[in-house]
Protein backbone atom coordinates (compact mmCIF):
# COMPACT_ATOMS: atom_id res chain seq x y z
CA MET A 1 0.00 0.00 0.00
CA LYS A 2 1.25 3.46 -0.89
CA PHE A 3 0.37 6.18 1.61
CA THR A 4 -0.73 9.59 0.43
CA GLU A 5 1.15 12.64 1.66
CA ASP A 6 -1.76 13.43 3.95
CA GLN A 7 -1.65 9.94 5.46
CA ILE A 8 2.11 10.07 5.99
CA TYR A 9 1.66 13.34 7.87
CA ARG A 10 -1.47 12.20 9.75
CA TYR A 11 0.05 8.93 10.98
CA ALA A 12 3.65 10.16 11.36
CA ARG A 13 3.80 9.47 15.10
CA HIS A 14 2.75 5.87 14.45
CA ILE A 15 5.05 5.32 11.49
CA ILE A 16 8.16 6.38 13.40
CA LEU A 17 7.45 3.81 16.11
CA PRO A 18 9.55 0.71 15.27
CA GLU A 19 6.80 -1.54 16.65
CA VAL A 20 4.25 -0.01 14.26
CA GLY A 21 5.95 1.49 11.22
CA GLY A 22 4.43 1.63 7.78
CA LYS A 23 3.46 -2.05 7.84
CA GLY A 24 1.62 -1.66 11.12
CA GLN A 25 -0.23 1.41 9.92
CA GLU A 26 -1.19 -0.48 6.78
CA LYS A 27 -2.64 -3.24 8.97
CA LEU A 28 -4.62 -0.64 10.93
CA LEU A 29 -6.07 0.84 7.73
CA GLY A 30 -7.18 -2.67 6.75
CA GLY A 31 -8.64 -3.43 10.19
CA ARG A 32 -12.30 -4.32 10.68
CA VAL A 33 -13.59 -3.59 14.19
CA LEU A 34 -17.20 -3.66 15.43
CA LEU A 35 -18.10 -1.56 18.48
CA LEU A 36 -21.05 -2.63 20.60
CA GLY A 37 -22.48 0.60 21.92
CA ALA A 38 -21.80 4.28 21.27
CA GLY A 39 -22.06 5.15 24.95
CA GLY A 40 -19.61 5.53 27.82
CA LEU A 41 -17.09 2.90 26.73
CA GLY A 42 -17.87 3.08 23.03
CA SER A 43 -17.14 6.82 22.86
CA PRO A 44 -13.40 6.79 23.65
CA ILE A 45 -12.90 3.49 21.84
CA ALA A 46 -14.48 4.87 18.66
CA LEU A 47 -12.61 8.16 18.80
CA TYR A 48 -9.19 6.61 19.36
CA LEU A 49 -9.62 3.84 16.79
CA ALA A 50 -10.77 6.34 14.17
CA ALA A 51 -7.90 8.68 15.02
CA ALA A 52 -5.44 5.77 14.79
CA GLY A 53 -6.64 5.00 11.27
CA VAL A 54 -8.50 1.73 11.79
CA GLY A 55 -10.00 1.66 8.33
CA ASN A 56 -13.34 -0.02 8.95
CA VAL A 57 -15.32 0.67 12.11
CA GLY A 58 -18.83 -0.59 12.78
CA VAL A 59 -21.08 0.82 15.49
CA ILE A 60 -24.22 -0.87 16.75
CA ASP A 61 -26.59 0.97 19.08
CA PHE A 62 -30.36 1.38 19.24
CA ASP A 63 -30.50 4.28 21.68
CA VAL A 64 -30.83 8.06 21.33
CA VAL A 65 -28.67 10.69 23.00
CA ASP A 66 -30.03 11.79 26.37
CA ARG A 67 -28.87 14.76 28.42
CA SER A 68 -27.77 12.41 31.22
CA ASN A 69 -25.38 10.69 28.76
CA LEU A 70 -23.23 13.78 28.30
CA GLN A 71 -21.49 13.43 31.68
CA ARG A 72 -19.42 10.56 30.22
CA GLN A 73 -20.34 9.81 26.57
CA ILE A 74 -17.86 12.16 24.91
CA LEU A 75 -18.77 11.14 21.37
CA HIS A 76 -21.94 13.26 21.69
CA ASN A 77 -22.65 16.88 22.58
CA THR A 78 -25.62 18.98 23.65
CA ASP A 79 -26.78 19.54 20.08
CA ASP A 80 -27.11 15.76 19.66
CA ILE A 81 -29.75 15.31 22.36
CA GLY A 82 -32.61 13.33 20.83
CA ARG A 83 -30.54 12.08 17.87
CA LEU A 84 -29.77 8.44 17.24
CA LYS A 85 -26.41 7.65 18.80
CA VAL A 86 -25.25 5.89 15.64
CA ASP A 87 -25.94 9.02 13.57
CA SER A 88 -24.10 11.23 16.05
CA ALA A 89 -21.21 8.76 16.14
CA LYS A 90 -20.90 8.56 12.36
CA ASP A 91 -20.81 12.37 12.05
CA LYS A 92 -18.06 12.78 14.64
CA LEU A 93 -15.88 9.92 13.43
CA SER A 94 -16.14 10.88 9.77
CA LYS A 95 -15.05 14.42 10.59
CA LEU A 96 -12.19 13.15 12.74
CA ASN A 97 -10.74 10.92 10.02
CA PRO A 98 -12.11 10.63 6.47
CA ASP A 99 -9.90 7.55 5.91
CA VAL A 100 -12.25 5.52 8.10
CA LYS A 101 -15.34 3.86 6.68
CA ILE A 102 -18.09 3.92 9.30
CA THR A 103 -20.88 1.31 9.18
CA VAL A 104 -23.76 1.78 11.60
CA TYR A 105 -26.46 -0.60 12.82
CA ASN A 106 -29.40 1.15 14.43
CA GLU A 107 -30.82 -2.01 15.96
CA ARG A 108 -30.94 -3.91 19.22
CA LEU A 109 -28.44 -6.76 19.26
CA ASP A 110 -30.09 -10.10 19.97
CA SER A 111 -29.93 -13.77 19.04
CA SER A 112 -31.63 -13.16 15.71
CA ASN A 113 -29.05 -10.75 14.30
CA ALA A 114 -25.76 -11.23 16.19
CA LEU A 115 -24.24 -13.87 13.89
CA ARG A 116 -25.28 -11.94 10.78
CA ILE A 117 -23.71 -8.73 12.02
CA PHE A 118 -20.56 -10.21 13.58
CA LYS A 119 -19.52 -12.34 10.61
CA ASP A 120 -18.18 -9.38 8.61
CA TRP A 121 -15.86 -8.11 11.37
CA ASP A 122 -12.51 -9.35 12.72
CA ILE A 123 -12.65 -7.93 16.26
CA VAL A 124 -15.73 -7.23 18.36
CA VAL A 125 -15.40 -4.67 21.16
CA ASP A 126 -17.92 -5.15 23.95
CA GLY A 127 -19.01 -1.84 25.48
CA CYS A 128 -22.42 -2.99 26.69
CA ASP A 129 -23.69 -2.63 30.25
CA ASN A 130 -25.91 -5.67 30.82
CA PHE A 131 -25.41 -9.38 31.35
CA PRO A 132 -27.70 -10.77 28.62
CA THR A 133 -25.75 -8.90 25.94
CA ARG A 134 -22.38 -9.92 27.41
CA TYR A 135 -23.28 -13.62 27.21
CA LEU A 136 -24.74 -13.15 23.74
CA VAL A 137 -21.60 -11.37 22.49
CA ASN A 138 -19.37 -14.03 24.02
CA ASP A 139 -21.27 -16.95 22.55
CA ALA A 140 -21.52 -15.41 19.07
CA CYS A 141 -17.80 -14.57 19.03
CA VAL A 142 -16.79 -18.09 20.05
CA MET A 143 -19.10 -19.64 17.47
CA LEU A 144 -17.69 -17.43 14.71
CA GLY A 145 -14.07 -17.48 15.87
CA LYS A 146 -14.00 -13.72 16.50
CA THR A 147 -11.85 -11.95 19.10
CA ASN A 148 -13.85 -10.17 21.82
CA VAL A 149 -12.25 -7.19 23.57
CA HIS A 150 -14.32 -6.90 26.74
CA GLY A 151 -14.62 -4.00 29.15
CA SER A 152 -16.98 -3.11 31.96
CA ILE A 153 -17.37 -0.29 34.49
CA PHE A 154 -19.13 0.17 37.82
CA ARG A 155 -19.04 3.27 40.03
CA PHE A 156 -15.25 3.85 40.39
CA GLU A 157 -13.97 0.52 39.07
CA GLY A 158 -13.43 -1.06 35.69
CA GLN A 159 -12.01 -4.17 34.08
CA VAL A 160 -10.62 -5.16 30.69
CA THR A 161 -9.77 -8.51 29.11
CA VAL A 162 -9.51 -10.15 25.71
CA PHE A 163 -11.52 -13.28 24.96
CA LYS A 164 -9.82 -15.12 22.11
CA SER A 165 -10.89 -18.73 21.83
CA PRO A 166 -9.29 -21.25 21.69
CA GLU A 167 -6.14 -19.46 22.90
CA GLY A 168 -7.72 -18.33 26.16
CA PRO A 169 -10.89 -18.50 28.25
CA CYS A 170 -14.24 -17.14 27.18
CA TYR A 171 -16.66 -15.10 29.28
CA ARG A 172 -18.47 -18.28 30.37
CA CYS A 173 -15.21 -19.77 31.66
CA MET A 174 -14.93 -16.84 34.07
CA TYR A 175 -18.63 -16.36 34.78
CA PRO A 176 -20.46 -19.68 34.29
CA GLU A 177 -23.71 -18.27 35.69
CA PRO A 178 -25.11 -14.73 35.65
CA PRO A 179 -25.73 -13.06 39.02
CA PRO A 180 -29.28 -13.22 40.37
CA PRO A 181 -31.52 -10.49 38.92
CA GLY A 182 -31.16 -7.25 40.88
CA MET A 183 -27.97 -8.23 42.70
CA VAL A 184 -25.70 -6.06 40.52
CA PRO A 185 -27.21 -2.61 39.93
CA SER A 186 -26.71 -0.87 36.59
CA CYS A 187 -24.76 2.38 36.17
CA GLN A 188 -28.12 4.14 35.94
CA GLU A 189 -28.99 2.79 39.39
CA ALA A 190 -25.58 2.98 41.10
CA GLY A 191 -23.86 5.84 39.24
CA VAL A 192 -20.48 5.94 37.52
CA LEU A 193 -17.57 8.37 37.62
CA GLY A 194 -17.77 10.28 34.34
CA VAL A 195 -14.10 9.90 33.42
CA LEU A 196 -13.95 6.16 34.25
CA PRO A 197 -15.19 4.92 30.86
CA GLY A 198 -12.53 7.11 29.27
CA VAL A 199 -9.83 5.17 31.10
CA VAL A 200 -11.32 1.72 30.53
CA GLY A 201 -12.37 2.43 26.94
CA SER A 202 -8.88 3.71 26.13
CA LEU A 203 -7.41 0.48 27.51
CA GLN A 204 -9.77 -1.47 25.25
CA ALA A 205 -8.67 0.61 22.26
CA VAL A 206 -5.02 -0.17 23.08
CA GLU A 207 -5.82 -3.90 23.07
CA VAL A 208 -7.56 -3.62 19.70
CA ILE A 209 -4.58 -1.84 18.14
CA LYS A 210 -2.13 -4.39 19.57
CA LEU A 211 -4.22 -7.23 18.16
CA ILE A 212 -4.45 -5.70 14.70
CA ILE A 213 -0.75 -4.88 14.45
CA GLY A 214 0.39 -8.05 16.22
CA VAL A 215 2.59 -6.45 18.87
CA GLY A 216 2.91 -6.68 22.64
CA GLU A 217 1.02 -9.04 24.91
CA PRO A 218 -2.76 -8.74 24.56
CA LEU A 219 -4.84 -9.47 27.67
CA VAL A 220 -5.70 -13.01 26.57
CA GLY A 221 -6.08 -15.05 29.75
CA LYS A 222 -5.54 -11.91 31.83
CA LEU A 223 -8.05 -9.68 33.61
CA LEU A 224 -6.92 -6.10 34.21
CA LEU A 225 -8.69 -4.40 37.13
CA TYR A 226 -8.65 -0.63 37.63
CA ASP A 227 -9.64 1.18 40.83
CA ALA A 228 -9.95 4.94 40.25
CA LEU A 229 -10.26 5.88 43.93
CA LYS A 230 -7.05 4.08 44.87
CA ALA A 231 -5.29 4.81 41.56
CA GLU A 232 -4.40 1.11 41.43
CA THR A 233 -4.36 -1.58 38.77
CA ARG A 234 -4.17 -5.33 39.26
CA LYS A 235 -3.76 -8.09 36.70
CA LEU A 236 -5.24 -11.50 37.42
CA ASN A 237 -4.84 -14.76 35.54
CA ALA A 238 -7.99 -16.09 33.91
CA ARG A 239 -7.95 -19.79 33.08
CA LYS A 240 -9.77 -21.67 30.39
CA ASP A 241 -12.35 -24.09 31.80
CA PRO A 242 -12.03 -27.48 30.09
CA ASN A 243 -15.64 -28.18 31.08
CA CYS A 244 -17.00 -24.89 29.71
CA PRO A 245 -20.31 -25.65 27.95
CA LEU A 246 -19.33 -23.33 25.10
CA CYS A 247 -15.57 -23.56 24.47
CA GLY A 248 -14.67 -26.68 26.49
CA LYS A 249 -13.78 -30.15 25.29
CA ASN A 250 -17.41 -31.28 25.03
CA PRO A 251 -19.51 -28.18 24.30
CA THR A 252 -23.24 -28.38 24.89
CA ILE A 253 -24.06 -24.84 23.75
CA THR A 254 -24.05 -24.93 19.96
CA GLN A 255 -26.51 -22.18 19.11
CA LEU A 256 -27.59 -18.82 20.47
CA VAL A 257 -30.35 -18.83 23.08
CA ASP A 258 -32.76 -16.39 24.71
CA TYR A 259 -30.26 -14.47 26.85
CA GLU A 260 -32.83 -12.35 28.63
CA ALA A 261 -34.46 -15.54 29.88
CA PHE A 262 -31.05 -17.04 30.70
CA CYS A 263 -30.15 -14.04 32.88
CA GLY A 264 -33.67 -13.49 34.19
CA MET A 265 -33.58 -9.83 33.23
CA ALA A 266 -34.30 -7.44 30.37
CA PRO A 267 -31.46 -5.73 28.44
CA SER A 268 -30.65 -2.06 28.92
CA SER A 269 -28.88 0.48 26.76
CA HIS A 270 -25.15 0.64 25.99
CA GLY A 271 -23.41 2.48 28.81
């Protein structure tokens, strides 16, 4: 691939990095990454991936911008209140970097459309905020052989990991059963520090870029925990469960199910 003068100038700080270089930037421009949610986590992820020159970015979200989103969802501004989040996201990302092709899905992700949507993407970035969608995303990624860059936030804490089967565990290996309904309150119920998704989402974006370029040590089999109040991070080992019903030696889950029924709760919006 031959870079234009504008691209050489735009991506100069990447190209001079020995670990990235021209070949790495070329890989980024050919990358295909789907973002689940244009909310708290999705906002910084989308902005940094577009700025980095990830050439194909998909965004799925069914929500509209609400005034209460603006405390943390930096992809949107006051003028976007009432707009579809995917429309607001496409406008901002296209203006940030015209090299990036933005594909939007204004629909609720569920068992009927997940496999259809996921099949065209290499990496799926999970920025959702509810358990039914997390299990759905995990199962669809394992079934299709897609890498899932997972992040979650709660009050002042966040976590990031990379689910890449069969190299490492899947979400079900770590969380075989969802918590009882009502035990874990949502961000809407418990609150969240506005800057926290910026930290966690940026860490997810770093993992995506490492995976595309093929550098460093992605968080496969590792769970990174961040505590904003203590300014501390911890990294835990996450092991693959040989008896996992999805990615284990004798899988019993071979198709997508009703995840709302599985978790005993209804889905909410993305972050």
